[in-house]
């Protein structure tokens, strides 16, 4: 941390920074100057796990859960992922784009400058391609850094609930070739969990994705430990996400890998689940990232400031640790570490300007207060 600092930005890139006392006189003649006394300037958040393309919210299920209905009960009456899939398949591509665009605007105003977006609410060839085309269009039109992930293996459609092989065949032989032809995805994901996709099915799907150059980023150990960690490491997954049910043996295996452990505290909060063991992961020297899991069913918020606060409060991470996890480690989990995630000469000027606050710790401490004054994406202030 540099107190009383200066930063020079040229076009959309960080050109120079340092202590104000050491700035050259010529630098003081820069035309567009911004003084921010008492404010902190941080790298913009890098949210490496979201599902922000969806058709409608699911607050009716939220009320059902309050009344005591289980996830299985909600699923049995057509809720959950299949509910989102039904609504998405009935929505037009333009409608989905417009809804997602508003969500992108919302998260950018709260400080997010880079984001990963998954498919997974189509569960049909047409639906998955529609989602990924929306994400591609968002990439082309938004100033945010965006990566796309194919998550056709999010759940089994009802018609294939008893015929897993047939749906996996559709994923591998129909969806993946079409996705590759249009260059619609950067990564592949599978929900490896009891009642969803087994570790063996995960391996089959991911190996097919790897043949098209799609590295795995996997949902594992959210509800149960069923071998997803071991399979993810075998596949050299870029990140293993959720990890609410992680055990000590699995932590030691992650430690000895280059895979990033991505934690999603707002999902655990919303589902009233145990939080992932962040302190054990950090103490074991694992690389930990934080992400929002923005989705309509289990984390209907993309506000990374809340994620950062919750990681301090519930995961017992220090303020410096959560900022690291929500910036540079999130960037690594999207292979954007050379472009964003830190204040570094040559990187893009994706920055958060806080309001005047007494200390860095105040940012996660004041969890109900909007401490952000301005957000800069690629050198431009967003409104």
Protein backbone atom coordinates (compact mmCIF):
# COMPACT_ATOMS: atom_id res chain seq x y z
CA UNK A 1 0.00 0.00 0.00
CA UNK A 2 1.28 3.45 -0.96
CA UNK A 3 -0.02 6.42 1.00
CA UNK A 4 -0.25 9.84 -0.67
CA UNK A 5 0.25 8.26 -4.07
CA UNK A 6 -0.06 9.25 -7.70
CA UNK A 7 -0.98 7.21 -10.75
CA UNK A 8 -0.63 8.08 -14.43
CA UNK A 9 -2.94 6.46 -16.95
CA UNK A 10 -2.41 6.69 -20.70
CA UNK A 11 -5.38 5.66 -22.83
CA UNK A 12 -6.62 2.50 -21.07
CA UNK A 13 -3.33 1.38 -19.47
CA UNK A 14 -1.58 2.09 -16.16
CA UNK A 15 1.55 3.97 -17.21
CA UNK A 16 3.18 4.86 -13.89
CA UNK A 17 2.51 5.12 -10.15
CA UNK A 18 4.38 5.84 -6.93
CA UNK A 19 4.72 8.18 -3.97
CA UNK A 20 3.50 11.70 -4.62
CA UNK A 21 6.72 13.15 -3.20
CA UNK A 22 8.69 11.44 -5.98
CA UNK A 23 6.60 12.53 -8.93
CA UNK A 24 8.43 14.49 -11.60
CA UNK A 25 7.34 18.10 -12.13
CA UNK A 26 6.44 17.35 -15.73
CA UNK A 27 3.84 14.85 -14.55
CA UNK A 28 2.06 17.60 -12.63
CA UNK A 29 1.22 19.26 -15.96
CA UNK A 30 -1.01 16.38 -17.07
CA UNK A 31 -4.29 17.90 -18.26
CA UNK A 32 -6.90 15.54 -16.85
CA UNK A 33 -6.18 15.31 -13.14
CA UNK A 34 -8.33 13.75 -10.45
CA UNK A 35 -7.63 14.36 -6.76
CA UNK A 36 -9.05 11.76 -4.37
CA UNK A 37 -8.05 12.80 -0.83
CA UNK A 38 -8.80 10.20 1.82
CA UNK A 39 -9.85 7.65 -0.78
CA UNK A 40 -8.40 4.24 -1.58
CA UNK A 41 -7.71 3.16 -5.16
CA UNK A 42 -7.93 -0.60 -5.69
CA UNK A 43 -7.93 -2.98 -8.65
CA UNK A 44 -11.48 -3.65 -9.86
CA UNK A 45 -13.02 -6.94 -8.74
CA UNK A 46 -12.47 -10.04 -10.87
CA UNK A 47 -15.56 -12.24 -10.48
CA UNK A 48 -14.58 -15.66 -11.84
CA UNK A 49 -17.84 -17.59 -11.34
CA UNK A 50 -21.29 -16.34 -12.40
CA UNK A 51 -24.45 -17.49 -14.17
CA UNK A 52 -25.76 -14.00 -14.95
CA UNK A 53 -27.52 -14.91 -18.21
CA UNK A 54 -30.97 -16.09 -17.11
CA UNK A 55 -34.56 -15.37 -18.06
CA UNK A 56 -36.29 -14.66 -14.75
CA UNK A 57 -35.70 -14.57 -11.02
CA UNK A 58 -36.89 -17.35 -8.70
CA UNK A 59 -38.11 -15.55 -5.59
CA UNK A 60 -41.10 -17.89 -5.34
CA UNK A 61 -38.64 -20.69 -4.51
CA UNK A 62 -37.01 -18.38 -1.97
CA UNK A 63 -40.37 -18.18 -0.18
CA UNK A 64 -40.83 -21.97 -0.46
CA UNK A 65 -37.48 -22.48 1.27
CA UNK A 66 -38.49 -20.11 4.07
CA UNK A 67 -41.63 -22.22 4.53
CA UNK A 68 -39.47 -25.33 4.93
CA UNK A 69 -39.42 -26.94 1.50
CA UNK A 70 -36.21 -28.78 0.66
CA UNK A 71 -34.21 -28.47 -2.56
CA UNK A 72 -35.55 -31.90 -3.56
CA UNK A 73 -39.15 -30.83 -2.87
CA UNK A 74 -38.72 -27.71 -4.99
CA UNK A 75 -37.14 -29.76 -7.78
CA UNK A 76 -39.98 -32.29 -7.67
CA UNK A 77 -42.50 -29.57 -8.43
CA UNK A 78 -40.48 -28.32 -11.40
CA UNK A 79 -38.25 -25.82 -9.61
CA UNK A 80 -34.50 -25.39 -9.43
CA UNK A 81 -32.23 -25.49 -12.47
CA UNK A 82 -34.95 -27.10 -14.60
CA UNK A 83 -37.25 -24.19 -13.79
CA UNK A 84 -34.65 -21.72 -15.09
CA UNK A 85 -34.07 -23.92 -18.15
CA UNK A 86 -37.76 -23.94 -19.05
CA UNK A 87 -38.02 -20.16 -18.79
CA UNK A 88 -34.79 -19.56 -20.67
CA UNK A 89 -35.77 -21.78 -23.58
CA UNK A 90 -38.98 -19.75 -23.92
CA UNK A 91 -37.10 -16.43 -23.99
CA UNK A 92 -35.65 -14.82 -27.10
CA UNK A 93 -31.95 -14.15 -27.54
CA UNK A 94 -32.60 -10.40 -27.58
CA UNK A 95 -34.54 -10.58 -24.31
CA UNK A 96 -31.75 -12.54 -22.64
CA UNK A 97 -29.14 -10.08 -23.91
CA UNK A 98 -31.04 -7.05 -22.62
CA UNK A 99 -31.53 -8.61 -19.19
CA UNK A 100 -27.89 -9.66 -18.98
CA UNK A 101 -26.73 -6.22 -20.12
CA UNK A 102 -28.57 -4.61 -17.20
CA UNK A 103 -26.91 -7.06 -14.80
CA UNK A 104 -23.50 -6.27 -16.27
CA UNK A 105 -24.15 -2.57 -15.74
CA UNK A 106 -25.18 -3.27 -12.16
CA UNK A 107 -22.08 -5.28 -11.26
CA UNK A 108 -19.74 -2.82 -12.99
CA UNK A 109 -21.12 0.02 -10.85
CA UNK A 110 -20.32 -2.06 -7.75
CA UNK A 111 -16.71 -2.45 -8.87
CA UNK A 112 -16.50 -5.56 -11.05
CA UNK A 113 -14.25 -5.12 -14.07
CA UNK A 114 -13.81 -8.73 -15.18
CA UNK A 115 -16.32 -11.57 -15.07
CA UNK A 116 -16.81 -15.17 -16.12
CA UNK A 117 -20.30 -16.12 -17.33
CA UNK A 118 -21.56 -19.69 -17.66
CA UNK A 119 -24.26 -21.27 -19.78
CA UNK A 120 -26.22 -24.13 -18.22
CA UNK A 121 -29.83 -22.96 -18.21
CA UNK A 122 -30.51 -24.20 -21.73
CA UNK A 123 -29.90 -27.95 -21.36
CA UNK A 124 -30.80 -28.32 -25.04
CA UNK A 125 -28.65 -27.74 -28.10
CA UNK A 126 -30.64 -24.64 -29.02
CA UNK A 127 -30.81 -23.31 -25.47
CA UNK A 128 -27.12 -23.68 -24.70
CA UNK A 129 -26.09 -22.14 -28.02
CA UNK A 130 -28.50 -19.26 -27.40
CA UNK A 131 -26.94 -18.55 -24.00
CA UNK A 132 -23.40 -18.70 -25.33
CA UNK A 133 -24.27 -16.42 -28.25
CA UNK A 134 -25.63 -13.90 -25.74
CA UNK A 135 -22.36 -14.10 -23.79
CA UNK A 136 -20.38 -13.64 -27.02
CA UNK A 137 -22.44 -10.54 -27.83
CA UNK A 138 -21.81 -9.20 -24.31
CA UNK A 139 -18.08 -9.69 -24.87
CA UNK A 140 -18.23 -7.75 -28.10
CA UNK A 141 -20.23 -4.81 -26.74
CA UNK A 142 -19.23 -4.44 -23.09
CA UNK A 143 -16.10 -2.72 -21.81
CA UNK A 144 -15.78 -5.38 -19.11
CA UNK A 145 -13.39 -8.29 -19.53
CA UNK A 146 -15.58 -11.37 -20.03
CA UNK A 147 -14.85 -15.10 -20.28
CA UNK A 148 -17.50 -17.67 -21.25
CA UNK A 149 -17.93 -21.19 -19.92
CA UNK A 150 -20.00 -24.02 -21.39
CA UNK A 151 -22.01 -25.66 -18.58
CA UNK A 152 -24.37 -27.91 -20.51
CA UNK A 153 -23.66 -30.48 -17.78
CA UNK A 154 -25.50 -28.42 -15.16
CA UNK A 155 -28.34 -30.91 -14.66
CA UNK A 156 -30.04 -33.71 -16.55
CA UNK A 157 -33.20 -32.66 -18.42
CA UNK A 158 -36.23 -34.64 -17.25
CA UNK A 159 -36.36 -36.69 -20.44
CA UNK A 160 -32.79 -37.93 -19.82
CA UNK A 161 -33.01 -38.38 -16.05
CA UNK A 162 -32.82 -42.14 -16.53
CA UNK A 163 -30.71 -42.07 -19.68
CA UNK A 164 -27.50 -40.26 -18.80
CA UNK A 165 -25.58 -41.71 -21.71
CA UNK A 166 -27.95 -40.18 -24.24
CA UNK A 167 -27.67 -36.67 -22.79
CA UNK A 168 -23.88 -36.93 -22.49
CA UNK A 169 -23.82 -38.04 -26.13
CA UNK A 170 -25.76 -34.86 -27.05
CA UNK A 171 -23.32 -32.75 -25.03
CA UNK A 172 -20.27 -34.28 -26.70
CA UNK A 173 -21.43 -34.91 -30.24
CA UNK A 174 -23.95 -32.10 -30.84
CA UNK A 175 -23.31 -29.20 -28.47
CA UNK A 176 -19.51 -29.16 -28.36
CA UNK A 177 -18.93 -29.25 -32.15
CA UNK A 178 -21.43 -26.40 -32.65
CA UNK A 179 -19.85 -24.38 -29.84
CA UNK A 180 -16.38 -24.90 -31.29
CA UNK A 181 -17.53 -23.96 -34.80
CA UNK A 182 -18.82 -20.58 -33.58
CA UNK A 183 -16.02 -20.12 -31.00
CA UNK A 184 -18.56 -19.55 -28.26
CA UNK A 185 -16.74 -20.78 -25.13
CA UNK A 186 -13.42 -20.39 -23.35
CA UNK A 187 -13.93 -23.13 -20.73
CA UNK A 188 -16.04 -26.16 -19.88
CA UNK A 189 -17.77 -26.85 -16.55
CA UNK A 190 -19.65 -29.78 -14.99
CA UNK A 191 -21.76 -29.90 -11.82
CA UNK A 192 -20.09 -32.91 -10.19
CA UNK A 193 -22.49 -33.87 -7.40
CA UNK A 194 -24.80 -36.64 -6.18
CA UNK A 195 -27.96 -36.58 -8.31
CA UNK A 196 -26.19 -34.64 -11.06
CA UNK A 197 -22.94 -35.77 -12.74
CA UNK A 198 -20.59 -38.38 -11.30
CA UNK A 199 -16.79 -37.99 -11.33
CA UNK A 200 -16.62 -40.54 -14.16
CA UNK A 201 -19.22 -38.66 -16.21
CA UNK A 202 -17.36 -35.42 -15.43
CA UNK A 203 -14.16 -36.92 -16.81
CA UNK A 204 -15.86 -38.06 -20.02
CA UNK A 205 -17.41 -34.63 -20.65
CA UNK A 206 -14.28 -32.64 -19.77
CA UNK A 207 -12.01 -34.77 -21.92
CA UNK A 208 -14.34 -34.11 -24.84
CA UNK A 209 -14.14 -30.39 -24.08
CA UNK A 210 -10.36 -30.50 -23.87
CA UNK A 211 -10.27 -31.84 -27.42
CA UNK A 212 -11.77 -28.49 -28.45
CA UNK A 213 -9.37 -26.51 -26.28
CA UNK A 214 -11.82 -25.90 -23.41
CA UNK A 215 -10.10 -26.14 -20.03
CA UNK A 216 -12.22 -27.36 -17.08
CA UNK A 217 -13.54 -25.03 -14.36
CA UNK A 218 -15.66 -27.30 -12.17
CA UNK A 219 -18.50 -27.22 -9.63
CA UNK A 220 -17.34 -29.66 -6.92
CA UNK A 221 -17.95 -30.46 -3.25
CA UNK A 222 -20.90 -28.11 -2.84
CA UNK A 223 -23.14 -30.67 -1.15
CA UNK A 224 -21.04 -33.83 -0.92
CA UNK A 225 -17.49 -35.09 -1.30
CA UNK A 226 -17.80 -37.72 -4.06
CA UNK A 227 -14.39 -37.62 -5.73
CA UNK A 228 -14.84 -34.38 -7.66
CA UNK A 229 -11.64 -32.88 -6.23
CA UNK A 230 -9.53 -35.82 -7.33
CA UNK A 231 -11.12 -35.86 -10.77
CA UNK A 232 -10.69 -32.10 -11.18
CA UNK A 233 -7.01 -32.33 -10.29
CA UNK A 234 -6.56 -35.28 -12.64
CA UNK A 235 -8.02 -33.10 -15.41
CA UNK A 236 -5.73 -30.20 -14.38
CA UNK A 237 -8.77 -27.97 -13.87
CA UNK A 238 -8.10 -24.25 -13.88
CA UNK A 239 -10.31 -23.87 -10.82
CA UNK A 240 -12.41 -25.98 -8.46
CA UNK A 241 -15.42 -23.99 -7.26
CA UNK A 242 -17.74 -24.11 -4.22
CA UNK A 243 -15.86 -26.49 -1.85
CA UNK A 244 -18.30 -26.18 1.06
CA UNK A 245 -17.73 -29.84 2.04
CA UNK A 246 -13.95 -29.96 1.71
CA UNK A 247 -11.93 -32.28 3.98
CA UNK A 248 -8.30 -32.12 5.10
CA UNK A 249 -7.11 -34.78 2.67
CA UNK A 250 -8.65 -32.90 -0.26
CA UNK A 251 -7.06 -29.65 0.92
CA UNK A 252 -3.61 -31.26 0.90
CA UNK A 253 -4.23 -32.45 -2.67
CA UNK A 254 -5.22 -28.95 -3.82
CA UNK A 255 -2.12 -27.56 -2.10
CA UNK A 256 0.12 -29.68 -4.29
CA UNK A 257 -1.52 -28.48 -7.52
CA UNK A 258 -1.74 -25.31 -9.59
CA UNK A 259 -5.54 -25.36 -9.39
CA UNK A 260 -7.30 -22.38 -7.80
CA UNK A 261 -9.85 -22.95 -5.04
CA UNK A 262 -12.75 -20.59 -5.80
CA UNK A 263 -15.07 -19.91 -2.86
CA UNK A 264 -18.62 -18.59 -3.16
CA UNK A 265 -19.69 -17.42 0.32
CA UNK A 266 -22.92 -15.72 -0.75
CA UNK A 267 -24.21 -19.05 -2.14
CA UNK A 268 -23.55 -20.78 1.19
CA UNK A 269 -25.22 -17.85 2.95
CA UNK A 270 -28.33 -17.94 0.75
CA UNK A 271 -28.70 -21.73 1.04
CA UNK A 272 -27.93 -21.74 4.80
CA UNK A 273 -25.05 -24.14 4.24
CA UNK A 274 -21.72 -24.51 5.97
CA UNK A 275 -19.12 -22.09 4.63
CA UNK A 276 -16.04 -23.38 2.81
CA UNK A 277 -12.92 -23.77 5.00
CA UNK A 278 -11.06 -20.71 3.74
CA UNK A 279 -8.64 -20.48 6.66
CA UNK A 280 -7.54 -24.10 6.24
CA UNK A 281 -7.01 -23.55 2.51
CA UNK A 282 -4.99 -20.37 3.05
CA UNK A 283 -2.97 -21.85 5.91
CA UNK A 284 -2.15 -24.79 3.62
CA UNK A 285 -0.88 -22.24 1.05
CA UNK A 286 -3.59 -23.03 -1.50
CA UNK A 287 -4.50 -20.31 -3.99
CA UNK A 288 -7.95 -19.00 -3.02
CA UNK A 289 -10.24 -16.87 -5.19
CA UNK A 290 -13.59 -15.34 -4.28
CA UNK A 291 -16.55 -15.05 -6.66
CA UNK A 292 -20.24 -14.17 -6.48
CA UNK A 293 -21.92 -17.19 -8.12
CA UNK A 294 -24.51 -14.67 -9.38
CA UNK A 295 -27.54 -16.80 -10.35
CA UNK A 296 -31.31 -16.80 -9.78
CA UNK A 297 -31.48 -19.87 -7.55
CA UNK A 298 -28.73 -19.81 -4.94
CA UNK A 299 -26.97 -16.43 -5.11
CA UNK A 300 -29.14 -13.71 -6.66
CA UNK A 301 -26.51 -10.99 -6.32
CA UNK A 302 -23.38 -10.09 -8.24
CA UNK A 303 -22.20 -7.56 -5.66
CA UNK A 304 -18.58 -8.47 -4.95
CA UNK A 305 -18.45 -6.01 -2.05
CA UNK A 306 -20.90 -8.24 -0.18
CA UNK A 307 -18.78 -11.29 -1.12
CA UNK A 308 -15.68 -9.55 0.28
CA UNK A 309 -17.46 -8.62 3.53
CA UNK A 310 -18.90 -12.10 3.98
CA UNK A 311 -15.50 -13.69 3.40
CA UNK A 312 -14.11 -11.62 6.28
CA UNK A 313 -17.08 -12.16 8.58
CA UNK A 314 -17.90 -15.82 7.96
CA UNK A 315 -14.77 -17.27 6.35
CA UNK A 316 -12.43 -15.41 8.75
CA UNK A 317 -10.26 -14.07 5.95
CA UNK A 318 -8.28 -10.88 6.58
CA UNK A 319 -9.13 -7.74 4.58
CA UNK A 320 -5.89 -7.98 2.58
CA UNK A 321 -6.59 -11.66 1.88
CA UNK A 322 -10.10 -11.06 0.56
CA UNK A 323 -8.96 -8.23 -1.68
CA UNK A 324 -6.21 -10.48 -3.06
CA UNK A 325 -8.71 -13.32 -3.59
CA UNK A 326 -11.28 -11.06 -5.26
CA UNK A 327 -8.79 -9.40 -7.62
CA UNK A 328 -5.57 -11.07 -8.77
CA UNK A 329 -6.54 -14.64 -7.82
CA UNK A 330 -9.89 -14.19 -9.55
CA UNK A 331 -7.97 -12.94 -12.58
CA UNK A 332 -5.82 -16.09 -12.52
CA UNK A 333 -9.01 -18.19 -12.36
CA UNK A 334 -9.97 -16.62 -15.72
CA UNK A 335 -6.42 -16.54 -17.18
CA UNK A 336 -6.54 -12.73 -17.20
CA UNK A 337 -3.68 -12.20 -14.75
CA UNK A 338 -1.54 -10.39 -17.34
CA UNK A 339 -4.28 -7.84 -18.08
CA UNK A 340 -6.16 -7.11 -14.85
CA UNK A 341 -6.27 -7.88 -11.13
CA UNK A 342 -3.49 -5.62 -9.83
CA UNK A 343 -2.27 -2.06 -10.12
CA UNK A 344 0.69 -2.83 -12.35
CA UNK A 345 2.39 -0.83 -15.09
CA UNK A 346 1.15 -2.09 -18.44
CA UNK A 347 -2.09 -3.59 -17.12
CA UNK A 348 -5.49 -2.19 -17.99
CA UNK A 349 -6.75 0.68 -15.84
CA UNK A 350 -9.61 -1.21 -14.15
CA UNK A 351 -9.92 0.57 -10.81
CA UNK A 352 -12.18 1.12 -7.83
CA UNK A 353 -12.13 4.53 -6.10
CA UNK A 354 -13.58 4.28 -2.62
CA UNK A 355 -15.27 7.11 -0.83
CA UNK A 356 -13.09 8.64 1.92
CA UNK A 357 -12.76 5.82 4.45
CA UNK A 358 -10.56 5.56 7.57
CA UNK A 359 -8.78 2.30 6.65
CA UNK A 360 -8.68 -0.61 4.23
CA UNK A 361 -10.48 -2.81 6.78
CA UNK A 362 -13.42 -0.40 6.77
CA UNK A 363 -14.38 -1.59 3.27
CA UNK A 364 -15.43 -5.14 4.35
CA UNK A 365 -16.34 -3.97 7.87
CA UNK A 366 -19.09 -1.60 6.72
CA UNK A 367 -20.96 -4.36 4.89
CA UNK A 368 -24.22 -2.45 4.56
CA UNK A 369 -22.64 0.75 3.28
CA UNK A 370 -21.75 1.56 -0.32
CA UNK A 371 -18.12 2.63 0.04
CA UNK A 372 -17.50 2.98 -3.70
CA UNK A 373 -17.27 6.47 -5.14
CA UNK A 374 -16.23 5.78 -8.74
CA UNK A 375 -15.31 2.83 -10.96
CA UNK A 376 -12.92 3.00 -13.90
CA UNK A 377 -12.96 0.37 -16.66
CA UNK A 378 -10.20 0.49 -19.29
CA UNK A 379 -9.29 4.04 -18.33
CA UNK A 380 -12.83 5.42 -18.50
CA UNK A 381 -15.07 6.30 -15.57
CA UNK A 382 -18.41 4.51 -15.81
CA UNK A 383 -21.61 6.31 -14.93
